């Protein structure tokens, strides 16, 4: 796009060139006893289209706006890349945490299974209790390879975004250790959306198509151009530097359409519609941006509230398991209550990890929706 802009810009200036010629002709006919005819010339040439109707000017401006649009497109890709990598990293740390939860749960259930198996062998507990705790143990064990498989897929996705083959992703903070995002100020002005690259891309494209209307209008009028040359010409190479060998010429030309069955008129109509399409695309990008910001703001707020609730639920599940284990140890309840408490705690910890990840990603989406922060 930058090269195209330079190409269109150059049309505003005269084109300067040169030409040189040497020829030798021998008629070889007795009717023309002049002998060999020699001609030598060297001239500098100039061609300049007078931009009377603005064709070149509008073309240059259109190309310049196209160039600016590609800059915004690059920013949009960069913003999307940052957001995607950040979101996948938070997902990766979420899976790391879930693997840790599943491993810890499997170890705890393995101990319970070993104890109950020993008690069953001694006749102190029913086989049903052993089978029930074994089911929970196998669930936790099966969750570990499933999470590990997902972790590999996520690492591959991050490596693809980074443009490289597979390599382990270095770990930083866990999701629970991530610094809190800055407070979102209330009453953000709508003008902040002007920093969104997709909106600026659509705006520049609209401006470019508008400029091309001027190009198509100018094509309906005559083209005025000046051509000229200045140099030397002689029939004798030895005298080509003499003052008498100096030659020059300047000429003007006027070309234009007369009748082509409305083709030029239709060209203008087509370009006006192209500009209208670009205008609606610009409006659409702005409306979509407002909706994305609203969605991201609501997501940040609601995920914060959901995280608080899930956190309280996880703490209650931990306490419930402790109390159920004490009640079972003292003979006040069946082991089924302990199993239910273990299942609830495991699910609550996994849910809390998921919501914590979604909470962080909501801020990433807000960063992207606002075009790079606020």
Protein backbone atom coordinates (compact mmCIF):
# COMPACT_ATOMS: atom_id res chain seq x y z
CA UNK A 1 0.00 0.00 0.00
CA UNK A 2 2.87 2.35 0.75
CA UNK A 3 4.40 1.60 -2.65
CA UNK A 4 1.06 2.19 -4.41
CA UNK A 5 0.74 5.55 -2.67
CA UNK A 6 4.22 6.52 -3.87
CA UNK A 7 3.30 5.41 -7.38
CA UNK A 8 0.13 7.53 -7.45
CA UNK A 9 1.89 10.51 -5.87
CA UNK A 10 4.54 10.50 -8.58
CA UNK A 11 1.87 11.21 -11.24
CA UNK A 12 1.56 14.76 -9.92
CA UNK A 13 5.08 15.57 -11.14
CA UNK A 14 6.46 15.74 -14.68
CA UNK A 15 7.99 12.59 -16.12
CA UNK A 16 11.51 13.38 -17.32
CA UNK A 17 13.42 11.01 -19.56
CA UNK A 18 15.92 10.91 -22.36
CA UNK A 19 16.51 9.32 -25.74
CA UNK A 20 19.45 8.98 -28.06
CA UNK A 21 19.56 7.85 -31.67
CA UNK A 22 22.17 7.12 -34.27
CA UNK A 23 21.51 5.83 -37.78
CA UNK A 24 23.41 5.25 -41.00
CA UNK A 25 21.69 4.60 -44.32
CA UNK A 26 23.22 3.81 -47.73
CA UNK A 27 20.57 3.94 -50.48
CA UNK A 28 22.78 1.89 -52.83
CA UNK A 29 21.00 3.35 -55.87
CA UNK A 30 22.57 5.31 -58.72
CA UNK A 31 19.53 7.53 -58.87
CA UNK A 32 20.53 8.84 -55.44
CA UNK A 33 24.25 9.51 -55.59
CA UNK A 34 24.32 11.16 -52.18
CA UNK A 35 26.20 8.36 -50.53
CA UNK A 36 25.69 7.33 -46.93
CA UNK A 37 23.14 9.32 -44.88
CA UNK A 38 23.94 9.67 -41.19
CA UNK A 39 21.76 11.05 -38.38
CA UNK A 40 22.65 11.57 -34.70
CA UNK A 41 20.45 12.94 -31.95
CA UNK A 42 20.22 13.11 -28.18
CA UNK A 43 17.33 14.76 -26.36
CA UNK A 44 15.77 15.05 -22.94
CA UNK A 45 12.01 14.48 -22.83
CA UNK A 46 9.29 15.79 -20.54
CA UNK A 47 5.70 14.65 -20.14
CA UNK A 48 3.28 16.29 -17.69
CA UNK A 49 -0.43 15.78 -17.31
CA UNK A 50 -2.07 18.98 -16.07
CA UNK A 51 -4.35 17.87 -13.25
CA UNK A 52 -7.06 20.35 -14.11
CA UNK A 53 -9.97 18.17 -12.92
CA UNK A 54 -8.24 16.62 -9.90
CA UNK A 55 -7.94 13.05 -11.19
CA UNK A 56 -4.34 12.64 -10.08
CA UNK A 57 -4.93 14.49 -6.83
CA UNK A 58 -7.92 12.34 -5.84
CA UNK A 59 -6.09 9.19 -6.88
CA UNK A 60 -3.15 10.13 -4.67
CA UNK A 61 -5.42 10.84 -1.68
CA UNK A 62 -7.27 7.57 -2.17
CA UNK A 63 -4.01 5.63 -2.21
CA UNK A 64 -2.83 7.48 0.90
CA UNK A 65 -6.00 6.56 2.80
CA UNK A 66 -5.58 2.94 1.69
CA UNK A 67 -2.08 3.07 3.11
CA UNK A 68 -3.33 4.45 6.44
CA UNK A 69 -6.00 1.73 6.50
CA UNK A 70 -3.36 -1.00 6.21
CA UNK A 71 -1.51 0.51 9.18
CA UNK A 72 -4.71 0.22 11.23
CA UNK A 73 -5.23 -3.33 9.97
CA UNK A 74 -1.77 -4.24 11.23
CA UNK A 75 -2.66 -2.75 14.64
CA UNK A 76 -5.87 -4.78 14.69
CA UNK A 77 -3.97 -7.99 14.01
CA UNK A 78 -1.44 -7.13 16.70
CA UNK A 79 -4.21 -6.42 19.23
CA UNK A 80 -5.95 -9.68 18.35
CA UNK A 81 -2.69 -11.59 18.66
CA UNK A 82 -2.00 -10.16 22.11
CA UNK A 83 -5.55 -10.95 23.24
CA UNK A 84 -5.46 -14.50 21.89
CA UNK A 85 -2.10 -15.30 23.49
CA UNK A 86 -3.17 -13.82 26.83
CA UNK A 87 -6.46 -15.74 26.78
CA UNK A 88 -4.73 -19.02 25.94
CA UNK A 89 -2.13 -18.43 28.64
CA UNK A 90 -4.86 -17.96 31.27
CA UNK A 91 -6.51 -21.13 29.96
CA UNK A 92 -3.19 -22.95 30.22
CA UNK A 93 -2.72 -21.87 33.84
CA UNK A 94 -6.33 -22.92 34.51
CA UNK A 95 -5.56 -26.41 33.19
CA UNK A 96 -2.36 -26.51 35.25
CA UNK A 97 -4.43 -25.72 38.33
CA UNK A 98 -7.02 -28.36 37.47
CA UNK A 99 -4.30 -30.98 37.03
CA UNK A 100 -3.02 -30.06 40.48
CA UNK A 101 -6.55 -30.29 41.94
CA UNK A 102 -7.18 -33.66 40.27
CA UNK A 103 -3.80 -35.02 41.42
CA UNK A 104 -4.36 -33.89 44.98
CA UNK A 105 -7.89 -35.31 44.96
CA UNK A 106 -6.72 -38.64 43.52
CA UNK A 107 -4.05 -38.95 46.22
CA UNK A 108 -6.60 -38.23 48.94
CA UNK A 109 -9.09 -40.70 47.53
CA UNK A 110 -6.39 -43.32 47.13
CA UNK A 111 -5.72 -43.09 50.85
CA UNK A 112 -9.43 -43.43 51.62
CA UNK A 113 -9.68 -46.36 49.25
CA UNK A 114 -6.72 -48.11 50.89
CA UNK A 115 -8.21 -47.59 54.37
CA UNK A 116 -11.67 -48.81 53.40
CA UNK A 117 -10.24 -51.80 51.54
CA UNK A 118 -8.32 -52.78 54.65
CA UNK A 119 -11.44 -52.32 56.78
CA UNK A 120 -13.48 -54.41 54.36
CA UNK A 121 -10.92 -57.21 54.47
CA UNK A 122 -11.24 -57.18 58.26
CA UNK A 123 -15.02 -57.13 58.10
CA UNK A 124 -15.51 -53.62 59.52
CA UNK A 125 -17.16 -52.00 56.47
CA UNK A 126 -19.41 -52.93 53.60
CA UNK A 127 -18.12 -53.64 50.12
CA UNK A 128 -20.50 -50.97 48.79
CA UNK A 129 -18.46 -48.26 50.53
CA UNK A 130 -15.29 -49.57 48.91
CA UNK A 131 -16.85 -49.59 45.46
CA UNK A 132 -18.25 -46.10 45.85
CA UNK A 133 -14.92 -44.58 46.88
CA UNK A 134 -13.21 -46.47 44.07
CA UNK A 135 -15.54 -44.82 41.55
CA UNK A 136 -14.56 -41.39 42.84
CA UNK A 137 -10.90 -42.37 42.76
CA UNK A 138 -11.10 -43.47 39.13
CA UNK A 139 -12.93 -40.27 38.19
CA UNK A 140 -10.06 -38.18 39.58
CA UNK A 141 -7.46 -40.41 37.92
CA UNK A 142 -9.24 -40.17 34.56
CA UNK A 143 -9.43 -36.38 34.80
CA UNK A 144 -5.62 -36.07 34.98
CA UNK A 145 -4.76 -37.45 31.48
CA UNK A 146 -7.74 -35.58 30.00
CA UNK A 147 -6.40 -32.30 31.39
CA UNK A 148 -2.86 -33.18 30.27
CA UNK A 149 -4.12 -33.78 26.74
CA UNK A 150 -5.87 -30.42 26.77
CA UNK A 151 -2.72 -28.75 28.11
CA UNK A 152 -0.69 -30.03 25.16
CA UNK A 153 -3.32 -28.73 22.72
CA UNK A 154 -3.22 -25.30 24.34
CA UNK A 155 0.58 -25.15 24.27
CA UNK A 156 0.48 -26.04 20.58
CA UNK A 157 -2.06 -23.28 19.94
CA UNK A 158 0.14 -20.72 21.69
CA UNK A 159 3.20 -21.85 19.74
CA UNK A 160 1.28 -21.47 16.47
CA UNK A 161 0.38 -17.89 17.40
CA UNK A 162 4.04 -17.27 18.25
CA UNK A 163 5.05 -18.64 14.85
CA UNK A 164 7.15 -21.54 16.02
CA UNK A 165 7.11 -25.31 16.37
CA UNK A 166 6.22 -26.99 19.64
CA UNK A 167 8.10 -25.87 22.72
CA UNK A 168 7.05 -25.89 26.38
CA UNK A 169 5.45 -22.59 27.39
CA UNK A 170 7.29 -20.91 30.28
CA UNK A 171 5.04 -20.42 33.28
CA UNK A 172 4.69 -17.21 35.23
CA UNK A 173 2.05 -16.30 37.78
CA UNK A 174 -0.79 -18.68 38.45
CA UNK A 175 -4.22 -17.26 37.73
CA UNK A 176 -4.83 -16.76 41.43
CA UNK A 177 -1.60 -14.74 41.68
CA UNK A 178 -2.29 -12.44 38.73
CA UNK A 179 -2.26 -8.74 39.65
CA UNK A 180 -5.69 -7.19 39.78
CA UNK A 181 -6.59 -5.25 36.64
CA UNK A 182 -6.90 -1.47 37.00
CA UNK A 183 -10.24 -0.11 38.07
CA UNK A 184 -12.45 0.68 35.11
CA UNK A 185 -13.43 4.35 35.31
CA UNK A 186 -17.09 5.17 34.99
CA UNK A 187 -18.37 7.32 32.16
CA UNK A 188 -15.84 6.36 29.53
CA UNK A 189 -16.32 8.72 26.56
CA UNK A 190 -17.43 7.19 23.29
CA UNK A 191 -14.49 8.91 21.60
CA UNK A 192 -12.23 6.29 23.17
CA UNK A 193 -13.51 3.95 20.46
CA UNK A 194 -11.61 6.05 17.94
CA UNK A 195 -8.47 4.25 19.06
CA UNK A 196 -9.92 0.94 17.89
CA UNK A 197 -7.96 0.01 14.76
CA UNK A 198 -10.88 -1.72 13.06
CA UNK A 199 -12.95 1.48 13.27
CA UNK A 200 -10.08 3.57 11.94
CA UNK A 201 -9.54 1.00 9.16
CA UNK A 202 -13.19 1.32 8.09
CA UNK A 203 -13.01 5.11 8.26
CA UNK A 204 -9.91 5.31 6.07
CA UNK A 205 -11.45 2.88 3.58
CA UNK A 206 -14.54 5.07 3.39
CA UNK A 207 -12.38 8.15 2.79
CA UNK A 208 -10.43 6.30 0.08
CA UNK A 209 -13.60 5.30 -1.77
CA UNK A 210 -14.87 8.88 -1.56
CA UNK A 211 -11.68 10.13 -3.17
CA UNK A 212 -12.14 7.68 -6.01
CA UNK A 213 -15.47 9.30 -6.81
CA UNK A 214 -13.41 12.36 -7.79
CA UNK A 215 -11.24 10.14 -9.99
CA UNK A 216 -14.21 8.73 -11.89
CA UNK A 217 -15.78 12.18 -12.29
CA UNK A 218 -12.51 13.56 -13.68
CA UNK A 219 -12.43 10.74 -16.24
CA UNK A 220 -15.51 12.28 -17.86
CA UNK A 221 -13.54 15.40 -18.81
CA UNK A 222 -10.69 15.98 -21.26
CA UNK A 223 -7.11 15.14 -20.33
CA UNK A 224 -4.65 17.98 -20.93
CA UNK A 225 -0.97 17.15 -21.17
CA UNK A 226 2.25 18.87 -22.20
CA UNK A 227 5.12 17.13 -23.94
CA UNK A 228 8.43 18.49 -25.03
CA UNK A 229 12.04 17.74 -25.71
CA UNK A 230 15.31 19.64 -25.72
CA UNK A 231 18.55 18.31 -27.20
CA UNK A 232 20.85 18.17 -30.21
CA UNK A 233 20.60 16.64 -33.67
CA UNK A 234 23.14 16.55 -36.50
CA UNK A 235 24.03 14.57 -39.60
CA UNK A 236 27.67 14.68 -38.54
CA UNK A 237 28.77 13.36 -35.19
CA UNK A 238 31.67 15.83 -35.10
CA UNK A 239 29.31 18.82 -35.24
CA UNK A 240 26.69 17.57 -32.75
CA UNK A 241 28.02 19.89 -30.04
CA UNK A 242 27.79 23.00 -32.19
CA UNK A 243 25.15 25.57 -31.39
CA UNK A 244 23.50 24.94 -34.68
CA UNK A 245 22.73 21.38 -33.67
CA UNK A 246 20.42 22.53 -30.84
CA UNK A 247 16.82 21.36 -31.28
CA UNK A 248 13.71 21.67 -29.12
CA UNK A 249 9.97 21.23 -29.24
CA UNK A 250 7.00 21.71 -26.92
CA UNK A 251 3.47 20.61 -27.61
CA UNK A 252 0.17 20.34 -25.84
CA UNK A 253 -2.52 17.73 -26.32
CA UNK A 254 -6.18 17.51 -25.43
CA UNK A 255 -7.99 14.17 -25.40
CA UNK A 256 -11.39 13.35 -24.02
CA UNK A 257 -14.52 11.25 -24.45
CA UNK A 258 -17.42 12.29 -26.63
CA UNK A 259 -19.92 9.45 -26.59
CA UNK A 260 -19.52 5.96 -25.16
CA UNK A 261 -23.09 5.00 -24.37
CA UNK A 262 -23.05 6.23 -20.75
CA UNK A 263 -20.04 4.19 -19.68
CA UNK A 264 -18.30 7.07 -17.87
CA UNK A 265 -21.55 8.07 -16.17
CA UNK A 266 -22.08 4.51 -14.95
CA UNK A 267 -18.50 4.40 -13.71
CA UNK A 268 -19.28 7.34 -11.43
CA UNK A 269 -22.48 5.68 -10.21
CA UNK A 270 -20.60 2.45 -9.45
CA UNK A 271 -17.99 4.30 -7.44
CA UNK A 272 -20.64 6.23 -5.49
CA UNK A 273 -22.20 2.92 -4.50
CA UNK A 274 -18.78 1.56 -3.53
CA UNK A 275 -18.36 4.57 -1.26
CA UNK A 276 -21.84 3.96 0.17
CA UNK A 277 -20.93 0.36 0.95
CA UNK A 278 -17.78 1.59 2.72
CA UNK A 279 -19.85 4.11 4.68
CA UNK A 280 -22.25 1.44 5.95
CA UNK A 281 -19.29 -0.78 6.80
CA UNK A 282 -17.89 2.07 8.89
CA UNK A 283 -21.21 2.55 10.69
CA UNK A 284 -21.47 -1.19 11.29
CA UNK A 285 -17.98 -1.37 12.78
CA UNK A 286 -18.80 1.46 15.18
CA UNK A 287 -22.09 -0.10 16.30
CA UNK A 288 -20.39 -3.48 16.76
CA UNK A 289 -17.62 -1.83 18.78
CA UNK A 290 -20.14 -0.23 21.17
CA UNK A 291 -21.80 -3.63 21.67
CA UNK A 292 -18.45 -5.35 22.29
CA UNK A 293 -17.47 -2.78 24.91
CA UNK A 294 -20.82 -3.15 26.67
CA UNK A 295 -20.51 -6.96 26.62
CA UNK A 296 -16.97 -6.78 28.00
CA UNK A 297 -17.94 -4.37 30.78
CA UNK A 298 -20.84 -6.57 31.84
CA UNK A 299 -18.62 -9.66 31.67
CA UNK A 300 -16.03 -8.05 33.96
CA UNK A 301 -18.66 -7.12 36.50
CA UNK A 302 -20.60 -10.39 36.47
CA UNK A 303 -17.53 -12.64 36.50
CA UNK A 304 -16.26 -10.76 39.55
CA UNK A 305 -19.56 -11.43 41.28
CA UNK A 306 -19.62 -15.05 40.12
CA UNK A 307 -16.05 -15.58 41.36
CA UNK A 308 -16.96 -14.33 44.82
CA UNK A 309 -19.91 -16.73 44.98
CA UNK A 310 -17.88 -19.70 43.69
CA UNK A 311 -15.10 -18.93 46.15
CA UNK A 312 -17.55 -19.01 49.05
CA UNK A 313 -19.00 -22.25 47.72
CA UNK A 314 -15.54 -23.86 47.56
CA UNK A 315 -14.75 -22.79 51.14
CA UNK A 316 -18.08 -24.22 52.30
CA UNK A 317 -17.38 -27.50 50.47
CA UNK A 318 -14.00 -27.83 52.18
CA UNK A 319 -15.56 -27.26 55.58
CA UNK A 320 -18.42 -29.68 54.80
CA UNK A 321 -15.94 -32.43 53.91
CA UNK A 322 -14.05 -31.90 57.14
CA UNK A 323 -17.25 -32.11 59.20
CA UNK A 324 -18.50 -35.16 57.31
CA UNK A 325 -15.21 -36.96 57.87
CA UNK A 326 -15.41 -36.20 61.60
CA UNK A 327 -19.03 -37.43 61.76
CA UNK A 328 -18.06 -40.65 59.99
CA UNK A 329 -15.03 -41.22 62.21
CA UNK A 330 -17.26 -40.84 65.29
CA UNK A 331 -19.89 -43.22 63.90
CA UNK A 332 -22.65 -40.64 63.38
CA UNK A 333 -23.11 -41.08 59.62
CA UNK A 334 -22.47 -43.45 56.74
CA UNK A 335 -19.50 -43.08 54.45
CA UNK A 336 -21.85 -42.05 51.66
CA UNK A 337 -22.02 -38.58 53.21
CA UNK A 338 -18.23 -38.32 53.07
CA UNK A 339 -18.27 -39.37 49.42
CA UNK A 340 -20.85 -36.72 48.56
CA UNK A 341 -18.76 -34.09 50.35
CA UNK A 342 -15.63 -35.17 48.46
CA UNK A 343 -17.46 -34.98 45.15
CA UNK A 344 -18.83 -31.52 45.95
CA UNK A 345 -15.42 -30.19 46.96
CA UNK A 346 -13.75 -31.53 43.82
CA UNK A 347 -16.38 -29.99 41.55
CA UNK A 348 -16.34 -26.71 43.48
CA UNK A 349 -12.57 -26.34 43.11
CA UNK A 350 -12.76 -27.03 39.37
CA UNK A 351 -15.60 -24.53 38.96
CA UNK A 352 -13.68 -21.89 40.89
CA UNK A 353 -10.63 -22.39 38.67
CA UNK A 354 -12.78 -22.00 35.54
CA UNK A 355 -14.48 -18.82 36.74
CA UNK A 356 -11.12 -17.34 37.77
CA UNK A 357 -9.85 -17.87 34.25
CA UNK A 358 -12.99 -16.38 32.68
CA UNK A 359 -12.67 -13.40 35.03
CA UNK A 360 -9.18 -12.66 33.73
CA UNK A 361 -10.16 -13.22 30.10
CA UNK A 362 -13.03 -10.73 30.47
CA UNK A 363 -10.46 -8.02 31.14
CA UNK A 364 -8.49 -9.14 28.10
CA UNK A 365 -11.65 -8.82 26.00
CA UNK A 366 -12.27 -5.35 27.42
CA UNK A 367 -8.71 -4.37 26.51
CA UNK A 368 -9.35 -5.54 22.95
CA UNK A 369 -12.81 -3.96 22.75
CA UNK A 370 -11.39 -0.57 23.72
CA UNK A 371 -8.61 -0.85 21.18
CA UNK A 372 -5.77 -1.36 23.63
CA UNK A 373 -6.85 -0.28 27.11
CA UNK A 374 -8.40 2.73 28.73
